[in-house]
Amino acid sequence: MRRLSLPRCAGVTLLETLAVIGIVAALATIAVPSADPANGLAADAAAQEVAQALRFAQREAMRTGAWHAVKLDAASQSVRLYRLRMPNASVEDTTVKVLHPLDRRDYVLSLAGNAGRGVMLAEARFEFDKIGATNVVTFDPAGSPVGVVSTTDVKTLKAGTVRIRRGDQERVLTLAPVTGRVSP
């Protein structure tokens, strides 16, 4: 009886296959940016908190008829709401505290306190006619966002942006001139 011999096919060894898989995995790690969904969720949550602070200051200004300001400080990673003293609208009224509606404490958000979330206030920029850019926006009793030099020298908001970042994710809030509408 004759044996039939099959032709030998060239193949790859297990070691060669593992080497190719390792190289492809290393290249994918380098080529594909981090798409950690937690970055996006944390950035969304922080942006929502800042947007709520801006909206609350606007509502309080309209409700009380007093000027309210929001200071967004990237150096200290904080957002602070306060009321302005009249007739000198550029000075903080320390006799009346602006309290957070939920915990009834001074309305101060600390993004630095949320360091575990890795969220940062990257930039807060409000541009006004003849004042330039600043990190403070004031809401007048009508709810309009303005820049205050004094009660007789109030400047119109030209543009307002706040940038919140975590990892590779960034959220940009805009504050509309005249209406004060906050858009994510």
C-alpha atoms as a PDB file:
ATOM      1  CA  MET A   1       0.000   0.000   0.000  1.00  0.00           C
ATOM      2  CA  ARG A   2       1.238   3.328  -0.959  1.00  0.00           C
ATOM      3  CA  ARG A   3       1.133   6.275   1.292  1.00  0.00           C
ATOM      4  CA  LEU A   4      -0.066   9.522  -0.056  1.00  0.00           C
ATOM      5  CA  SER A   5       1.963  12.390   1.107  1.00  0.00           C
ATOM      6  CA  LEU A   6       0.423  15.752   1.448  1.00  0.00           C
ATOM      7  CA  PRO A   7       2.413  18.767   0.497  1.00  0.00           C
ATOM      8  CA  ARG A   8       3.782  20.684   3.482  1.00  0.00           C
ATOM      9  CA  CYS A   9       2.343  24.127   3.928  1.00  0.00           C
ATOM     10  CA  ALA A  10       4.390  26.875   5.404  1.00  0.00           C
ATOM     11  CA  GLY A  11       2.839  28.091   8.618  1.00  0.00           C
ATOM     12  CA  VAL A  12       3.538  30.227  11.631  1.00  0.00           C
ATOM     13  CA  THR A  13       4.478  29.093  15.032  1.00  0.00           C
ATOM     14  CA  LEU A  14       2.689  30.027  18.225  1.00  0.00           C
ATOM     15  CA  LEU A  15       5.630  32.188  19.239  1.00  0.00           C
ATOM     16  CA  GLU A  16       5.438  34.191  16.017  1.00  0.00           C
ATOM     17  CA  THR A  17       1.683  34.692  16.458  1.00  0.00           C
ATOM     18  CA  LEU A  18       2.126  35.957  20.016  1.00  0.00           C
ATOM     19  CA  ALA A  19       4.866  38.349  18.905  1.00  0.00           C
ATOM     20  CA  VAL A  20       2.602  39.871  16.227  1.00  0.00           C
ATOM     21  CA  ILE A  21      -0.292  40.226  18.695  1.00  0.00           C
ATOM     22  CA  GLY A  22       2.045  41.957  21.174  1.00  0.00           C
ATOM     23  CA  ILE A  23       3.262  44.442  18.555  1.00  0.00           C
ATOM     24  CA  VAL A  24      -0.292  45.236  17.417  1.00  0.00           C
ATOM     25  CA  ALA A  25      -1.410  45.767  21.025  1.00  0.00           C
ATOM     26  CA  ALA A  26       1.520  48.112  21.706  1.00  0.00           C
ATOM     27  CA  LEU A  27       0.774  50.140  18.576  1.00  0.00           C
ATOM     28  CA  ALA A  28      -2.926  50.362  19.451  1.00  0.00           C
ATOM     29  CA  THR A  29      -2.071  51.662  22.915  1.00  0.00           C
ATOM     30  CA  ILE A  30       0.052  54.420  21.416  1.00  0.00           C
ATOM     31  CA  ALA A  31      -2.187  55.272  18.466  1.00  0.00           C
ATOM     32  CA  VAL A  32      -5.594  55.307  20.150  1.00  0.00           C
ATOM     33  CA  PRO A  33      -6.090  58.159  22.649  1.00  0.00           C
ATOM     34  CA  SER A  34      -7.546  57.465  26.043  1.00  0.00           C
ATOM     35  CA  ALA A  35     -11.297  57.205  25.769  1.00  0.00           C
ATOM     36  CA  ASP A  36     -12.036  56.832  29.458  1.00  0.00           C
ATOM     37  CA  PRO A  37     -15.778  57.517  29.822  1.00  0.00           C
ATOM     38  CA  ALA A  38     -15.186  58.655  33.402  1.00  0.00           C
ATOM     39  CA  ASN A  39     -13.330  61.716  32.063  1.00  0.00           C
ATOM     40  CA  GLY A  40     -16.375  62.833  30.117  1.00  0.00           C
ATOM     41  CA  LEU A  41     -18.797  62.151  32.957  1.00  0.00           C
ATOM     42  CA  ALA A  42     -16.716  64.042  35.522  1.00  0.00           C
ATOM     43  CA  ALA A  43     -16.220  66.981  33.144  1.00  0.00           C
ATOM     44  CA  ASP A  44     -19.975  67.047  32.463  1.00  0.00           C
ATOM     45  CA  ALA A  45     -20.800  67.032  36.185  1.00  0.00           C
ATOM     46  CA  ALA A  46     -18.374  69.864  36.987  1.00  0.00           C
ATOM     47  CA  ALA A  47     -19.590  71.939  34.032  1.00  0.00           C
ATOM     48  CA  GLN A  48     -23.155  71.436  35.217  1.00  0.00           C
ATOM     49  CA  GLU A  49     -22.236  72.661  38.727  1.00  0.00           C
ATOM     50  CA  VAL A  50     -20.609  75.808  37.329  1.00  0.00           C
ATOM     51  CA  ALA A  51     -23.572  76.449  35.011  1.00  0.00           C
ATOM     52  CA  GLN A  52     -25.954  76.105  37.966  1.00  0.00           C
ATOM     53  CA  ALA A  53     -23.886  78.610  39.966  1.00  0.00           C
ATOM     54  CA  LEU A  54     -24.112  81.170  37.153  1.00  0.00           C
ATOM     55  CA  ARG A  55     -27.854  80.607  36.768  1.00  0.00           C
ATOM     56  CA  PHE A  56     -28.407  80.849  40.527  1.00  0.00           C
ATOM     57  CA  ALA A  57     -26.556  84.185  40.713  1.00  0.00           C
ATOM     58  CA  GLN A  58     -28.706  85.532  37.896  1.00  0.00           C
ATOM     59  CA  ARG A  59     -31.940  84.368  39.556  1.00  0.00           C
ATOM     60  CA  GLU A  60     -30.891  85.800  42.926  1.00  0.00           C
ATOM     61  CA  ALA A  61     -30.120  89.174  41.337  1.00  0.00           C
ATOM     62  CA  MET A  62     -33.582  89.261  39.770  1.00  0.00           C
ATOM     63  CA  ARG A  63     -35.331  87.926  42.894  1.00  0.00           C
ATOM     64  CA  THR A  64     -33.691  90.291  45.379  1.00  0.00           C
ATOM     65  CA  GLY A  65     -33.147  93.312  43.132  1.00  0.00           C
ATOM     66  CA  ALA A  66     -29.494  93.366  44.255  1.00  0.00           C
ATOM     67  CA  TRP A  67     -26.391  92.980  42.115  1.00  0.00           C
ATOM     68  CA  HIS A  68     -24.775  89.535  42.389  1.00  0.00           C
ATOM     69  CA  ALA A  69     -21.317  88.518  41.178  1.00  0.00           C
ATOM     70  CA  VAL A  70     -19.641  85.226  40.349  1.00  0.00           C
ATOM     71  CA  LYS A  71     -15.869  84.915  40.577  1.00  0.00           C
ATOM     72  CA  LEU A  72     -14.314  81.919  38.838  1.00  0.00           C
ATOM     73  CA  ASP A  73     -10.713  81.558  39.980  1.00  0.00           C
ATOM     74  CA  ALA A  74      -8.562  79.074  38.051  1.00  0.00           C
ATOM     75  CA  ALA A  75      -5.638  79.562  40.476  1.00  0.00           C
ATOM     76  CA  SER A  76      -7.637  78.391  43.517  1.00  0.00           C
ATOM     77  CA  GLN A  77      -9.976  76.187  41.447  1.00  0.00           C
ATOM     78  CA  SER A  78     -13.029  77.837  43.008  1.00  0.00           C
ATOM     79  CA  VAL A  79     -16.318  79.432  42.025  1.00  0.00           C
ATOM     80  CA  ARG A  80     -17.727  81.946  44.502  1.00  0.00           C
ATOM     81  CA  LEU A  81     -21.025  83.839  44.488  1.00  0.00           C
ATOM     82  CA  TYR A  82     -21.460  87.061  46.414  1.00  0.00           C
ATOM     83  CA  ARG A  83     -23.696  90.083  46.614  1.00  0.00           C
ATOM     84  CA  LEU A  84     -22.462  93.585  45.818  1.00  0.00           C
ATOM     85  CA  ARG A  85     -22.923  96.564  48.118  1.00  0.00           C
ATOM     86  CA  MET A  86     -24.895  99.536  46.884  1.00  0.00           C
ATOM     87  CA  PRO A  87     -24.320 102.374  45.998  1.00  0.00           C
ATOM     88  CA  ASN A  88     -20.733 101.207  45.333  1.00  0.00           C
ATOM     89  CA  ALA A  89     -21.529  98.203  43.173  1.00  0.00           C
ATOM     90  CA  SER A  90     -17.898  97.128  42.856  1.00  0.00           C
ATOM     91  CA  VAL A  91     -17.541  96.237  46.571  1.00  0.00           C
ATOM     92  CA  GLU A  92     -18.705  92.960  48.114  1.00  0.00           C
ATOM     93  CA  ASP A  93     -21.557  93.244  50.617  1.00  0.00           C
ATOM     94  CA  THR A  94     -20.209  91.179  53.509  1.00  0.00           C
ATOM     95  CA  THR A  95     -23.369  91.717  55.585  1.00  0.00           C
ATOM     96  CA  VAL A  96     -25.486  89.564  53.271  1.00  0.00           C
ATOM     97  CA  LYS A  97     -24.149  86.103  52.423  1.00  0.00           C
ATOM     98  CA  VAL A  98     -25.218  84.242  49.302  1.00  0.00           C
ATOM     99  CA  LEU A  99     -26.088  80.746  50.490  1.00  0.00           C
ATOM    100  CA  HIS A 100     -26.230  77.577  48.444  1.00  0.00           C
ATOM    101  CA  PRO A 101     -29.890  76.551  48.136  1.00  0.00           C
ATOM    102  CA  LEU A 102     -29.259  72.945  49.225  1.00  0.00           C
ATOM    103  CA  ASP A 103     -26.802  73.024  52.119  1.00  0.00           C
ATOM    104  CA  ARG A 104     -27.406  76.656  53.196  1.00  0.00           C
ATOM    105  CA  ARG A 105     -23.647  77.371  53.395  1.00  0.00           C
ATOM    106  CA  ASP A 106     -21.715  80.137  51.645  1.00  0.00           C
ATOM    107  CA  TYR A 107     -22.039  79.507  47.918  1.00  0.00           C
ATOM    108  CA  VAL A 108     -18.490  78.417  47.092  1.00  0.00           C
ATOM    109  CA  LEU A 109     -17.682  75.531  44.774  1.00  0.00           C
ATOM    110  CA  SER A 110     -14.234  74.048  45.146  1.00  0.00           C
ATOM    111  CA  LEU A 111     -13.047  72.037  42.187  1.00  0.00           C
ATOM    112  CA  ALA A 112      -9.716  71.588  44.002  1.00  0.00           C
ATOM    113  CA  GLY A 113     -11.652  69.761  46.730  1.00  0.00           C
ATOM    114  CA  ASN A 114     -12.699  67.261  44.083  1.00  0.00           C
ATOM    115  CA  ALA A 115      -9.115  66.385  43.216  1.00  0.00           C
ATOM    116  CA  GLY A 116     -10.033  62.699  43.179  1.00  0.00           C
ATOM    117  CA  ARG A 117     -12.214  63.466  40.204  1.00  0.00           C
ATOM    118  CA  GLY A 118      -9.287  65.216  38.503  1.00  0.00           C
ATOM    119  CA  VAL A 119     -11.493  68.040  37.236  1.00  0.00           C
ATOM    120  CA  MET A 120     -10.040  71.498  36.754  1.00  0.00           C
ATOM    121  CA  LEU A 121     -11.292  74.959  35.934  1.00  0.00           C
ATOM    122  CA  ALA A 122      -9.027  75.596  32.961  1.00  0.00           C
ATOM    123  CA  GLU A 123     -10.229  79.115  32.116  1.00  0.00           C
ATOM    124  CA  ALA A 124     -12.914  81.654  32.904  1.00  0.00           C
ATOM    125  CA  ARG A 125     -12.991  84.663  30.607  1.00  0.00           C
ATOM    126  CA  PHE A 126     -15.635  87.368  30.481  1.00  0.00           C
ATOM    127  CA  GLU A 127     -15.020  90.185  28.000  1.00  0.00           C
ATOM    128  CA  PHE A 128     -16.622  93.586  28.503  1.00  0.00           C
ATOM    129  CA  ASP A 129     -16.655  96.822  26.542  1.00  0.00           C
ATOM    130  CA  LYS A 130     -13.799  99.092  27.659  1.00  0.00           C
ATOM    131  CA  ILE A 131     -12.867  96.867  30.653  1.00  0.00           C
ATOM    132  CA  GLY A 132     -11.293  93.995  28.789  1.00  0.00           C
ATOM    133  CA  ALA A 133     -11.337  90.402  30.034  1.00  0.00           C
ATOM    134  CA  THR A 134     -11.819  89.319  33.634  1.00  0.00           C
ATOM    135  CA  ASN A 135     -12.792  86.205  35.601  1.00  0.00           C
ATOM    136  CA  VAL A 136     -15.735  87.937  37.330  1.00  0.00           C
ATOM    137  CA  VAL A 137     -19.212  88.458  35.949  1.00  0.00           C
ATOM    138  CA  THR A 138     -21.931  90.492  37.661  1.00  0.00           C
ATOM    139  CA  PHE A 139     -25.687  90.191  37.187  1.00  0.00           C
ATOM    140  CA  ASP A 140     -27.704  93.390  37.508  1.00  0.00           C
ATOM    141  CA  PRO A 141     -31.225  93.400  39.038  1.00  0.00           C
ATOM    142  CA  ALA A 142     -32.678  92.725  35.580  1.00  0.00           C
ATOM    143  CA  GLY A 143     -30.515  89.570  35.279  1.00  0.00           C
ATOM    144  CA  SER A 144     -28.191  90.897  32.575  1.00  0.00           C
ATOM    145  CA  PRO A 145     -24.505  89.952  32.779  1.00  0.00           C
ATOM    146  CA  VAL A 146     -22.388  93.093  33.102  1.00  0.00           C
ATOM    147  CA  GLY A 147     -18.979  94.306  34.181  1.00  0.00           C
ATOM    148  CA  VAL A 148     -19.106  96.804  37.027  1.00  0.00           C
ATOM    149  CA  VAL A 149     -16.632  99.575  37.613  1.00  0.00           C
ATOM    150  CA  SER A 150     -19.091 101.638  39.689  1.00  0.00           C
ATOM    151  CA  THR A 151     -22.868 102.131  39.762  1.00  0.00           C
ATOM    152  CA  THR A 152     -22.511 104.782  37.096  1.00  0.00           C
ATOM    153  CA  ASP A 153     -19.985 102.830  35.028  1.00  0.00           C
ATOM    154  CA  VAL A 154     -21.482  99.484  33.971  1.00  0.00           C
ATOM    155  CA  LYS A 155     -20.178  97.718  30.877  1.00  0.00           C
ATOM    156  CA  THR A 156     -21.966  95.274  28.609  1.00  0.00           C
ATOM    157  CA  LEU A 157     -20.781  91.680  28.300  1.00  0.00           C
ATOM    158  CA  LYS A 158     -19.368  90.981  24.841  1.00  0.00           C
ATOM    159  CA  ALA A 159     -18.497  87.305  25.354  1.00  0.00           C
ATOM    160  CA  GLY A 160     -18.225  84.867  28.231  1.00  0.00           C
ATOM    161  CA  THR A 161     -16.628  81.408  28.273  1.00  0.00           C
ATOM    162  CA  VAL A 162     -15.729  78.917  30.976  1.00  0.00           C
ATOM    163  CA  ARG A 163     -13.578  75.867  30.224  1.00  0.00           C
ATOM    164  CA  ILE A 164     -13.727  72.772  32.430  1.00  0.00           C
ATOM    165  CA  ARG A 165     -11.258  69.945  31.803  1.00  0.00           C
ATOM    166  CA  ARG A 166     -10.586  66.416  32.956  1.00  0.00           C
ATOM    167  CA  GLY A 167      -7.976  64.363  31.203  1.00  0.00           C
ATOM    168  CA  ASP A 168      -8.538  64.586  27.472  1.00  0.00           C
ATOM    169  CA  GLN A 169     -12.123  65.838  27.862  1.00  0.00           C
ATOM    170  CA  GLU A 170     -13.049  69.535  27.874  1.00  0.00           C
ATOM    171  CA  ARG A 171     -16.421  71.195  28.334  1.00  0.00           C
ATOM    172  CA  VAL A 172     -17.024  74.808  27.330  1.00  0.00           C
ATOM    173  CA  LEU A 173     -19.808  76.913  28.835  1.00  0.00           C
ATOM    174  CA  THR A 174     -20.827  80.150  27.166  1.00  0.00           C
ATOM    175  CA  LEU A 175     -22.617  83.062  28.798  1.00  0.00           C
ATOM    176  CA  ALA A 176     -24.768  85.026  26.379  1.00  0.00           C
ATOM    177  CA  PRO A 177     -24.649  88.824  26.402  1.00  0.00           C
ATOM    178  CA  VAL A 178     -27.856  90.612  27.475  1.00  0.00           C
ATOM    179  CA  THR A 179     -29.882  87.490  28.386  1.00  0.00           C
ATOM    180  CA  GLY A 180     -27.261  85.742  30.521  1.00  0.00           C
ATOM    181  CA  ARG A 181     -28.233  82.366  29.116  1.00  0.00           C
ATOM    182  CA  VAL A 182     -25.696  79.678  30.020  1.00  0.00           C
ATOM    183  CA  SER A 183     -25.099  77.095  27.293  1.00  0.00           C
ATOM    184  CA  PRO A 184     -23.009  73.963  27.661  1.00  0.00           C
END
